[in-house]
Amino acid sequence: CPACGWEQSNKRMPDYQRHLKTHLRPDKQDKTRGWWCKGVRIEDKDEFNARCKENGLKRIEDDAEPYWFYDHMRVGGCCQTFSRRDALKRHVANHNVRCGGVIAEGLKEGDY
């Protein structure tokens, strides 16, 4: 890898390409691209929590602070950016992190 010197032990090109994506992140000012821990829109919080309760998933806490993300008030995220979808998904699923919300690229809302 030209960025970190990592040497791949196998010859699978998809693995190498996935590794390269770990070095690419969007500009911190451009929230329209990339994988952001953005929680959910504040008006969707109750529906999100109801679906999480049904499926036994982590809910957004009642005392979570609302914040602006691009053009909407949101709740439940930390506004951290991730290089890949699976990294964001692990972050949101981690029970040691208070974050919860949609797993979607850029400003897309995705599924709960």
N, C-alpha and C. Protein backbone atom coordinates (compact mmCIF):
# COMPACT_ATOMS: atom_id res chain seq x y z
N CYS A 1 0.84 -1.18 0.00
CA CYS A 1 0.00 0.00 0.00
C CYS A 1 0.89 1.24 0.00
N PRO A 2 0.68 2.14 -0.94
CA PRO A 2 1.50 3.34 -0.98
C PRO A 2 1.26 4.30 0.19
N ALA A 3 0.12 4.18 0.86
CA ALA A 3 -0.20 5.10 1.95
C ALA A 3 0.39 4.66 3.29
N CYS A 4 0.40 3.34 3.55
CA CYS A 4 0.83 2.89 4.89
C CYS A 4 1.89 1.79 4.86
N GLY A 5 2.20 1.27 3.68
CA GLY A 5 3.21 0.23 3.59
C GLY A 5 2.70 -1.18 3.86
N TRP A 6 1.39 -1.33 4.05
CA TRP A 6 0.80 -2.65 4.30
C TRP A 6 1.08 -3.56 3.11
N GLU A 7 1.45 -4.82 3.41
CA GLU A 7 1.67 -5.79 2.36
C GLU A 7 0.61 -6.86 2.44
N GLN A 8 -0.04 -7.11 1.34
CA GLN A 8 -1.12 -8.07 1.27
C GLN A 8 -0.54 -9.48 1.21
N SER A 9 -1.09 -10.40 2.01
CA SER A 9 -0.57 -11.77 2.03
C SER A 9 -1.17 -12.64 0.93
N ASN A 10 -2.35 -12.26 0.42
CA ASN A 10 -2.94 -13.01 -0.69
C ASN A 10 -2.95 -12.13 -1.94
N LYS A 11 -3.41 -12.66 -3.01
CA LYS A 11 -3.40 -11.92 -4.29
C LYS A 11 -4.78 -11.44 -4.70
N ARG A 12 -5.74 -11.41 -3.77
CA ARG A 12 -7.10 -11.00 -4.10
C ARG A 12 -7.18 -9.49 -4.27
N MET A 13 -7.46 -9.04 -5.47
CA MET A 13 -7.56 -7.62 -5.78
C MET A 13 -8.69 -6.94 -5.00
N PRO A 14 -9.86 -7.58 -4.80
CA PRO A 14 -10.90 -6.90 -4.01
C PRO A 14 -10.46 -6.58 -2.58
N ASP A 15 -9.64 -7.44 -1.99
CA ASP A 15 -9.13 -7.16 -0.64
C ASP A 15 -8.23 -5.93 -0.64
N TYR A 16 -7.39 -5.84 -1.65
CA TYR A 16 -6.49 -4.69 -1.76
C TYR A 16 -7.28 -3.40 -1.99
N GLN A 17 -8.27 -3.46 -2.86
CA GLN A 17 -9.08 -2.27 -3.13
C GLN A 17 -9.84 -1.84 -1.88
N ARG A 18 -10.36 -2.81 -1.11
CA ARG A 18 -11.06 -2.48 0.14
C ARG A 18 -10.09 -1.82 1.13
N HIS A 19 -8.87 -2.33 1.20
CA HIS A 19 -7.87 -1.72 2.07
C HIS A 19 -7.59 -0.28 1.66
N LEU A 20 -7.45 -0.02 0.38
CA LEU A 20 -7.17 1.35 -0.07
C LEU A 20 -8.28 2.31 0.34
N LYS A 21 -9.52 1.83 0.36
CA LYS A 21 -10.64 2.68 0.75
C LYS A 21 -10.55 3.11 2.22
N THR A 22 -9.80 2.36 3.03
CA THR A 22 -9.67 2.77 4.44
C THR A 22 -8.91 4.08 4.57
N HIS A 23 -8.17 4.45 3.55
CA HIS A 23 -7.40 5.70 3.57
C HIS A 23 -8.18 6.88 2.99
N LEU A 24 -9.31 6.60 2.34
CA LEU A 24 -10.07 7.66 1.68
C LEU A 24 -11.25 8.08 2.56
N ARG A 25 -11.28 9.30 2.90
CA ARG A 25 -12.42 9.85 3.63
C ARG A 25 -12.81 11.16 2.97
N PRO A 26 -14.09 11.48 3.05
CA PRO A 26 -14.51 12.75 2.44
C PRO A 26 -13.99 13.94 3.24
N ASP A 27 -14.02 15.07 2.61
CA ASP A 27 -13.70 16.32 3.29
C ASP A 27 -14.66 16.48 4.47
N LYS A 28 -14.15 16.86 5.62
CA LYS A 28 -14.99 17.01 6.82
C LYS A 28 -16.13 18.01 6.61
N GLN A 29 -15.99 18.91 5.66
CA GLN A 29 -17.04 19.89 5.39
C GLN A 29 -18.11 19.36 4.45
N ASP A 30 -17.80 18.30 3.70
CA ASP A 30 -18.73 17.75 2.72
C ASP A 30 -19.49 16.57 3.30
N LYS A 31 -20.64 16.83 3.88
CA LYS A 31 -21.42 15.77 4.50
C LYS A 31 -22.33 15.05 3.51
N THR A 32 -22.25 15.41 2.25
CA THR A 32 -23.08 14.77 1.23
C THR A 32 -22.45 13.46 0.74
N ARG A 33 -21.21 13.20 1.11
CA ARG A 33 -20.51 11.99 0.67
C ARG A 33 -19.89 11.30 1.87
N GLY A 34 -19.61 10.02 1.72
CA GLY A 34 -18.93 9.27 2.77
C GLY A 34 -19.90 8.65 3.77
N TRP A 35 -19.36 8.00 4.77
CA TRP A 35 -20.13 7.28 5.78
C TRP A 35 -20.02 8.03 7.10
N TRP A 36 -21.12 8.61 7.53
CA TRP A 36 -21.16 9.46 8.73
C TRP A 36 -22.02 8.82 9.81
N CYS A 37 -21.58 8.95 11.04
CA CYS A 37 -22.41 8.56 12.18
C CYS A 37 -23.33 9.75 12.43
N LYS A 38 -24.51 9.70 11.82
CA LYS A 38 -25.38 10.87 11.83
C LYS A 38 -26.67 10.65 12.58
N GLY A 39 -26.83 9.51 13.25
CA GLY A 39 -28.05 9.26 14.00
C GLY A 39 -29.27 9.20 13.10
N VAL A 40 -30.37 9.78 13.57
CA VAL A 40 -31.61 9.84 12.79
C VAL A 40 -32.17 11.26 12.88
N ARG A 41 -33.03 11.59 11.95
CA ARG A 41 -33.72 12.88 12.05
C ARG A 41 -34.53 12.88 13.34
N ILE A 42 -34.57 14.01 13.98
CA ILE A 42 -35.21 14.08 15.30
C ILE A 42 -36.68 13.68 15.23
N GLU A 43 -37.34 13.96 14.10
CA GLU A 43 -38.75 13.59 13.98
C GLU A 43 -38.94 12.08 13.76
N ASP A 44 -37.86 11.36 13.45
CA ASP A 44 -37.93 9.91 13.23
C ASP A 44 -37.47 9.10 14.45
N LYS A 45 -37.06 9.77 15.50
CA LYS A 45 -36.48 9.07 16.66
C LYS A 45 -37.44 8.06 17.28
N ASP A 46 -38.69 8.42 17.50
CA ASP A 46 -39.63 7.50 18.14
C ASP A 46 -39.87 6.26 17.29
N GLU A 47 -40.04 6.44 15.98
CA GLU A 47 -40.22 5.29 15.09
C GLU A 47 -38.98 4.42 15.08
N PHE A 48 -37.80 5.04 15.02
CA PHE A 48 -36.55 4.30 15.05
C PHE A 48 -36.45 3.46 16.33
N ASN A 49 -36.71 4.08 17.46
CA ASN A 49 -36.62 3.37 18.74
C ASN A 49 -37.65 2.24 18.83
N ALA A 50 -38.84 2.44 18.29
CA ALA A 50 -39.87 1.40 18.32
C ALA A 50 -39.41 0.20 17.49
N ARG A 51 -38.83 0.46 16.32
CA ARG A 51 -38.33 -0.65 15.49
C ARG A 51 -37.17 -1.37 16.17
N CYS A 52 -36.31 -0.62 16.82
CA CYS A 52 -35.18 -1.23 17.53
C CYS A 52 -35.67 -2.10 18.68
N LYS A 53 -36.68 -1.64 19.40
CA LYS A 53 -37.22 -2.41 20.51
C LYS A 53 -37.82 -3.73 20.00
N GLU A 54 -38.54 -3.67 18.90
CA GLU A 54 -39.13 -4.88 18.30
C GLU A 54 -38.06 -5.90 17.93
N ASN A 55 -36.93 -5.40 17.42
CA ASN A 55 -35.88 -6.29 16.90
C ASN A 55 -34.75 -6.53 17.90
N GLY A 56 -34.88 -6.01 19.11
CA GLY A 56 -33.85 -6.21 20.12
C GLY A 56 -32.54 -5.49 19.83
N LEU A 57 -32.62 -4.36 19.14
CA LEU A 57 -31.43 -3.59 18.79
C LEU A 57 -31.27 -2.39 19.72
N LYS A 58 -30.09 -1.80 19.71
CA LYS A 58 -29.77 -0.66 20.55
C LYS A 58 -30.58 0.56 20.11
N ARG A 59 -31.20 1.22 21.08
CA ARG A 59 -32.02 2.40 20.80
C ARG A 59 -31.24 3.68 21.11
N ILE A 60 -31.76 4.79 20.61
CA ILE A 60 -31.19 6.10 20.93
C ILE A 60 -31.74 6.52 22.28
N GLU A 61 -30.85 6.91 23.15
CA GLU A 61 -31.24 7.25 24.52
C GLU A 61 -32.08 8.53 24.56
N ASP A 62 -32.96 8.59 25.55
CA ASP A 62 -33.87 9.73 25.68
C ASP A 62 -33.13 11.04 25.94
N ASP A 63 -31.97 10.98 26.59
CA ASP A 63 -31.24 12.20 26.92
C ASP A 63 -30.20 12.59 25.85
N ALA A 64 -30.26 11.94 24.68
CA ALA A 64 -29.32 12.27 23.60
C ALA A 64 -29.55 13.71 23.13
N GLU A 65 -28.46 14.42 22.94
CA GLU A 65 -28.51 15.83 22.54
C GLU A 65 -28.78 15.98 21.04
N PRO A 66 -29.75 16.80 20.64
CA PRO A 66 -29.96 17.06 19.21
C PRO A 66 -28.88 17.98 18.66
N TYR A 67 -28.63 17.89 17.37
CA TYR A 67 -27.60 18.69 16.70
C TYR A 67 -27.98 18.84 15.24
N TRP A 68 -27.38 19.84 14.58
CA TRP A 68 -27.58 20.04 13.15
C TRP A 68 -26.59 19.18 12.40
N PHE A 69 -27.07 18.43 11.41
CA PHE A 69 -26.20 17.70 10.49
C PHE A 69 -26.66 18.10 9.10
N TYR A 70 -25.86 18.86 8.42
CA TYR A 70 -26.15 19.41 7.10
C TYR A 70 -27.37 20.30 7.16
N ASP A 71 -28.58 19.78 6.89
CA ASP A 71 -29.75 20.64 6.86
C ASP A 71 -30.90 20.14 7.74
N HIS A 72 -30.62 19.22 8.64
CA HIS A 72 -31.67 18.69 9.52
C HIS A 72 -31.18 18.57 10.96
N MET A 73 -32.11 18.74 11.88
CA MET A 73 -31.83 18.43 13.28
C MET A 73 -31.86 16.92 13.41
N ARG A 74 -30.83 16.38 14.06
CA ARG A 74 -30.72 14.94 14.21
C ARG A 74 -30.39 14.62 15.67
N VAL A 75 -30.45 13.35 15.99
CA VAL A 75 -30.14 12.90 17.34
C VAL A 75 -29.56 11.49 17.25
N GLY A 76 -28.63 11.17 18.14
CA GLY A 76 -28.12 9.81 18.25
C GLY A 76 -26.77 9.55 17.64
N GLY A 77 -26.20 10.46 16.90
CA GLY A 77 -24.91 10.23 16.27
C GLY A 77 -23.82 11.10 16.86
N CYS A 78 -22.59 10.87 16.42
CA CYS A 78 -21.45 11.64 16.91
C CYS A 78 -20.79 12.46 15.80
N CYS A 79 -21.32 12.37 14.57
CA CYS A 79 -20.82 13.10 13.40
C CYS A 79 -19.39 12.70 13.00
N GLN A 80 -18.96 11.53 13.43
CA GLN A 80 -17.67 11.01 13.01
C GLN A 80 -17.82 10.42 11.62
N THR A 81 -16.77 10.51 10.81
CA THR A 81 -16.79 9.95 9.47
C THR A 81 -16.02 8.64 9.44
N PHE A 82 -16.47 7.72 8.60
CA PHE A 82 -15.84 6.41 8.48
C PHE A 82 -15.49 6.15 7.03
N SER A 83 -14.48 5.34 6.82
CA SER A 83 -14.01 5.09 5.46
C SER A 83 -14.90 4.10 4.72
N ARG A 84 -15.57 3.22 5.47
CA ARG A 84 -16.38 2.19 4.82
C ARG A 84 -17.67 1.95 5.61
N ARG A 85 -18.65 1.38 4.92
CA ARG A 85 -19.95 1.09 5.51
C ARG A 85 -19.82 0.13 6.69
N ASP A 86 -19.03 -0.91 6.55
CA ASP A 86 -18.91 -1.90 7.61
C ASP A 86 -18.30 -1.30 8.88
N ALA A 87 -17.41 -0.34 8.74
CA ALA A 87 -16.82 0.32 9.91
C ALA A 87 -17.88 1.14 10.64
N LEU A 88 -18.73 1.86 9.91
CA LEU A 88 -19.82 2.61 10.52
C LEU A 88 -20.80 1.66 11.21
N LYS A 89 -21.12 0.56 10.56
CA LYS A 89 -22.05 -0.41 11.14
C LYS A 89 -21.51 -0.97 12.45
N ARG A 90 -20.22 -1.30 12.50
CA ARG A 90 -19.61 -1.79 13.75
C ARG A 90 -19.66 -0.73 14.84
N HIS A 91 -19.40 0.52 14.46
CA HIS A 91 -19.42 1.63 15.41
C HIS A 91 -20.81 1.77 16.05
N VAL A 92 -21.83 1.79 15.22
CA VAL A 92 -23.21 1.98 15.70
C VAL A 92 -23.66 0.78 16.54
N ALA A 93 -23.22 -0.41 16.20
CA ALA A 93 -23.62 -1.62 16.92
C ALA A 93 -22.87 -1.81 18.24
N ASN A 94 -21.77 -1.11 18.41
CA ASN A 94 -20.94 -1.26 19.60
C ASN A 94 -21.69 -0.75 20.84
N HIS A 95 -21.88 -1.63 21.83
CA HIS A 95 -22.63 -1.24 23.02
C HIS A 95 -21.83 -0.35 23.98
N ASN A 96 -20.54 -0.16 23.70
CA ASN A 96 -19.72 0.76 24.50
C ASN A 96 -19.78 2.19 23.96
N VAL A 97 -20.51 2.38 22.85
CA VAL A 97 -20.68 3.69 22.21
C VAL A 97 -22.15 4.06 22.31
N ARG A 98 -22.46 5.30 22.61
CA ARG A 98 -23.85 5.73 22.76
C ARG A 98 -24.57 5.92 21.43
N CYS A 99 -23.85 5.91 20.34
CA CYS A 99 -24.41 6.23 19.02
C CYS A 99 -25.39 5.16 18.54
N GLY A 100 -26.36 5.64 17.77
CA GLY A 100 -27.32 4.78 17.11
C GLY A 100 -27.85 5.53 15.91
N GLY A 101 -28.46 4.82 14.98
CA GLY A 101 -29.05 5.50 13.84
C GLY A 101 -28.92 4.72 12.56
N VAL A 102 -29.17 5.41 11.46
CA VAL A 102 -29.18 4.79 10.15
C VAL A 102 -27.76 4.53 9.66
N ILE A 103 -27.64 3.49 8.85
CA ILE A 103 -26.38 3.17 8.19
C ILE A 103 -26.60 3.49 6.72
N ALA A 104 -26.15 4.66 6.31
CA ALA A 104 -26.37 5.10 4.94
C ALA A 104 -25.29 6.09 4.54
N GLU A 105 -24.97 6.10 3.27
CA GLU A 105 -23.93 6.98 2.76
C GLU A 105 -24.44 8.40 2.60
N GLY A 106 -23.59 9.35 2.91
CA GLY A 106 -23.90 10.76 2.72
C GLY A 106 -25.17 11.18 3.43
N LEU A 107 -26.07 11.81 2.70
CA LEU A 107 -27.32 12.31 3.28
C LEU A 107 -28.48 11.33 3.15
N LYS A 108 -28.23 10.16 2.57
CA LYS A 108 -29.28 9.16 2.44
C LYS A 108 -29.74 8.71 3.82
N GLU A 109 -30.99 8.30 3.92
CA GLU A 109 -31.52 7.89 5.20
C GLU A 109 -31.39 6.40 5.45
N GLY A 110 -31.39 5.58 4.40
CA GLY A 110 -31.17 4.15 4.58
C GLY A 110 -32.24 3.48 5.40
N ASP A 111 -31.93 2.29 5.87
CA ASP A 111 -32.86 1.50 6.67
C ASP A 111 -32.47 1.56 8.13
N TYR A 112 -33.45 1.35 8.97
CA TYR A 112 -33.18 1.30 10.41
C TYR A 112 -32.77 -0.11 10.75
